[in-house]
Amino acid sequence: MESDRLIGHIDMKADRKAGVLDVKRLWLEKGVKPSAGRLEKLEAELVRLAKFAGVERGC
């Protein structure tokens, strides 16, 4: 989400054995562009989520 807008869906799994958050697939909503700034925010959020899930890094 960005503010109150849903911009996409993500399918991921915490692979604790390998120590990674494995992103299987990302779907952006119609009209949402994968800009550099948006992808940087996503990467930061995946890093935060990986820590929450108990793995070392996002993938």
C-alpha atoms as a PDB file:
ATOM      1  CA  MET A   1       0.000   0.000   0.000  1.00  0.00           C
ATOM      2  CA  GLU A   2       0.965   3.575  -0.544  1.00  0.00           C
ATOM      3  CA  SER A   3      -0.923   5.795   1.857  1.00  0.00           C
ATOM      4  CA  ASP A   4      -4.418   4.327   1.579  1.00  0.00           C
ATOM      5  CA  ARG A   5      -4.024   2.940  -1.964  1.00  0.00           C
ATOM      6  CA  LEU A   6      -3.476  -0.751  -2.717  1.00  0.00           C
ATOM      7  CA  ILE A   7      -0.794  -0.887  -5.414  1.00  0.00           C
ATOM      8  CA  GLY A   8      -0.185  -4.616  -5.727  1.00  0.00           C
ATOM      9  CA  HIS A   9       0.024  -8.099  -4.275  1.00  0.00           C
ATOM     10  CA  ILE A  10       3.056 -10.133  -3.352  1.00  0.00           C
ATOM     11  CA  ASP A  11       3.510 -13.874  -2.888  1.00  0.00           C
ATOM     12  CA  MET A  12       6.429 -14.671  -0.607  1.00  0.00           C
ATOM     13  CA  LYS A  13       7.685 -17.282   1.816  1.00  0.00           C
ATOM     14  CA  ALA A  14      10.175 -17.161   4.652  1.00  0.00           C
ATOM     15  CA  ASP A  15      12.709 -19.909   3.980  1.00  0.00           C
ATOM     16  CA  ARG A  16      14.202 -20.143   7.441  1.00  0.00           C
ATOM     17  CA  LYS A  17      16.544 -22.980   6.488  1.00  0.00           C
ATOM     18  CA  ALA A  18      18.175 -20.834   3.787  1.00  0.00           C
ATOM     19  CA  GLY A  19      17.737 -17.657   5.856  1.00  0.00           C
ATOM     20  CA  VAL A  20      15.914 -15.687   3.147  1.00  0.00           C
ATOM     21  CA  LEU A  21      12.540 -14.183   2.413  1.00  0.00           C
ATOM     22  CA  ASP A  22      11.764 -15.653  -0.989  1.00  0.00           C
ATOM     23  CA  VAL A  23       9.544 -13.471  -3.195  1.00  0.00           C
ATOM     24  CA  LYS A  24       7.721 -15.845  -5.523  1.00  0.00           C
ATOM     25  CA  ARG A  25       5.751 -13.259  -7.503  1.00  0.00           C
ATOM     26  CA  LEU A  26       4.735  -9.602  -7.481  1.00  0.00           C
ATOM     27  CA  TRP A  27       1.595  -8.290  -9.161  1.00  0.00           C
ATOM     28  CA  LEU A  28       1.096  -4.559  -9.548  1.00  0.00           C
ATOM     29  CA  GLU A  29      -2.388  -3.124  -9.833  1.00  0.00           C
ATOM     30  CA  LYS A  30      -3.508  -1.781 -13.197  1.00  0.00           C
ATOM     31  CA  GLY A  31      -1.898   1.584 -13.897  1.00  0.00           C
ATOM     32  CA  VAL A  32       0.829   1.218 -11.246  1.00  0.00           C
ATOM     33  CA  LYS A  33       4.321   1.666 -12.671  1.00  0.00           C
ATOM     34  CA  PRO A  34       7.387  -0.005 -11.095  1.00  0.00           C
ATOM     35  CA  SER A  35       9.342   3.251 -10.687  1.00  0.00           C
ATOM     36  CA  ALA A  36      12.809   3.299  -9.123  1.00  0.00           C
ATOM     37  CA  GLY A  37      11.500   5.052  -6.002  1.00  0.00           C
ATOM     38  CA  ARG A  38       8.655   2.597  -5.585  1.00  0.00           C
ATOM     39  CA  LEU A  39      11.010  -0.387  -5.945  1.00  0.00           C
ATOM     40  CA  GLU A  40      13.410   1.111  -3.380  1.00  0.00           C
ATOM     41  CA  LYS A  41      10.534   1.439  -0.888  1.00  0.00           C
ATOM     42  CA  LEU A  42       9.524  -2.159  -1.597  1.00  0.00           C
ATOM     43  CA  GLU A  43      13.073  -3.383  -1.015  1.00  0.00           C
ATOM     44  CA  ALA A  44      13.247  -1.542   2.320  1.00  0.00           C
ATOM     45  CA  GLU A  45       9.934  -3.049   3.382  1.00  0.00           C
ATOM     46  CA  LEU A  46      11.079  -6.553   2.392  1.00  0.00           C
ATOM     47  CA  VAL A  47      14.207  -6.122   4.523  1.00  0.00           C
ATOM     48  CA  ARG A  48      12.019  -5.076   7.472  1.00  0.00           C
ATOM     49  CA  LEU A  49       9.671  -8.006   6.883  1.00  0.00           C
ATOM     50  CA  ALA A  50      12.575 -10.463   6.623  1.00  0.00           C
ATOM     51  CA  LYS A  51      13.781  -9.370  10.061  1.00  0.00           C
ATOM     52  CA  PHE A  52      10.257  -9.743  11.438  1.00  0.00           C
ATOM     53  CA  ALA A  53      10.025 -13.261   9.945  1.00  0.00           C
ATOM     54  CA  GLY A  54      13.350 -14.233  11.521  1.00  0.00           C
ATOM     55  CA  VAL A  55      15.417 -14.540   8.356  1.00  0.00           C
ATOM     56  CA  GLU A  56      18.620 -12.700   7.489  1.00  0.00           C
ATOM     57  CA  ARG A  57      17.708 -11.077   4.217  1.00  0.00           C
ATOM     58  CA  GLY A  58      15.079 -10.428   1.577  1.00  0.00           C
ATOM     59  CA  CYS A  59      15.417 -11.990  -1.819  1.00  0.00           C
END
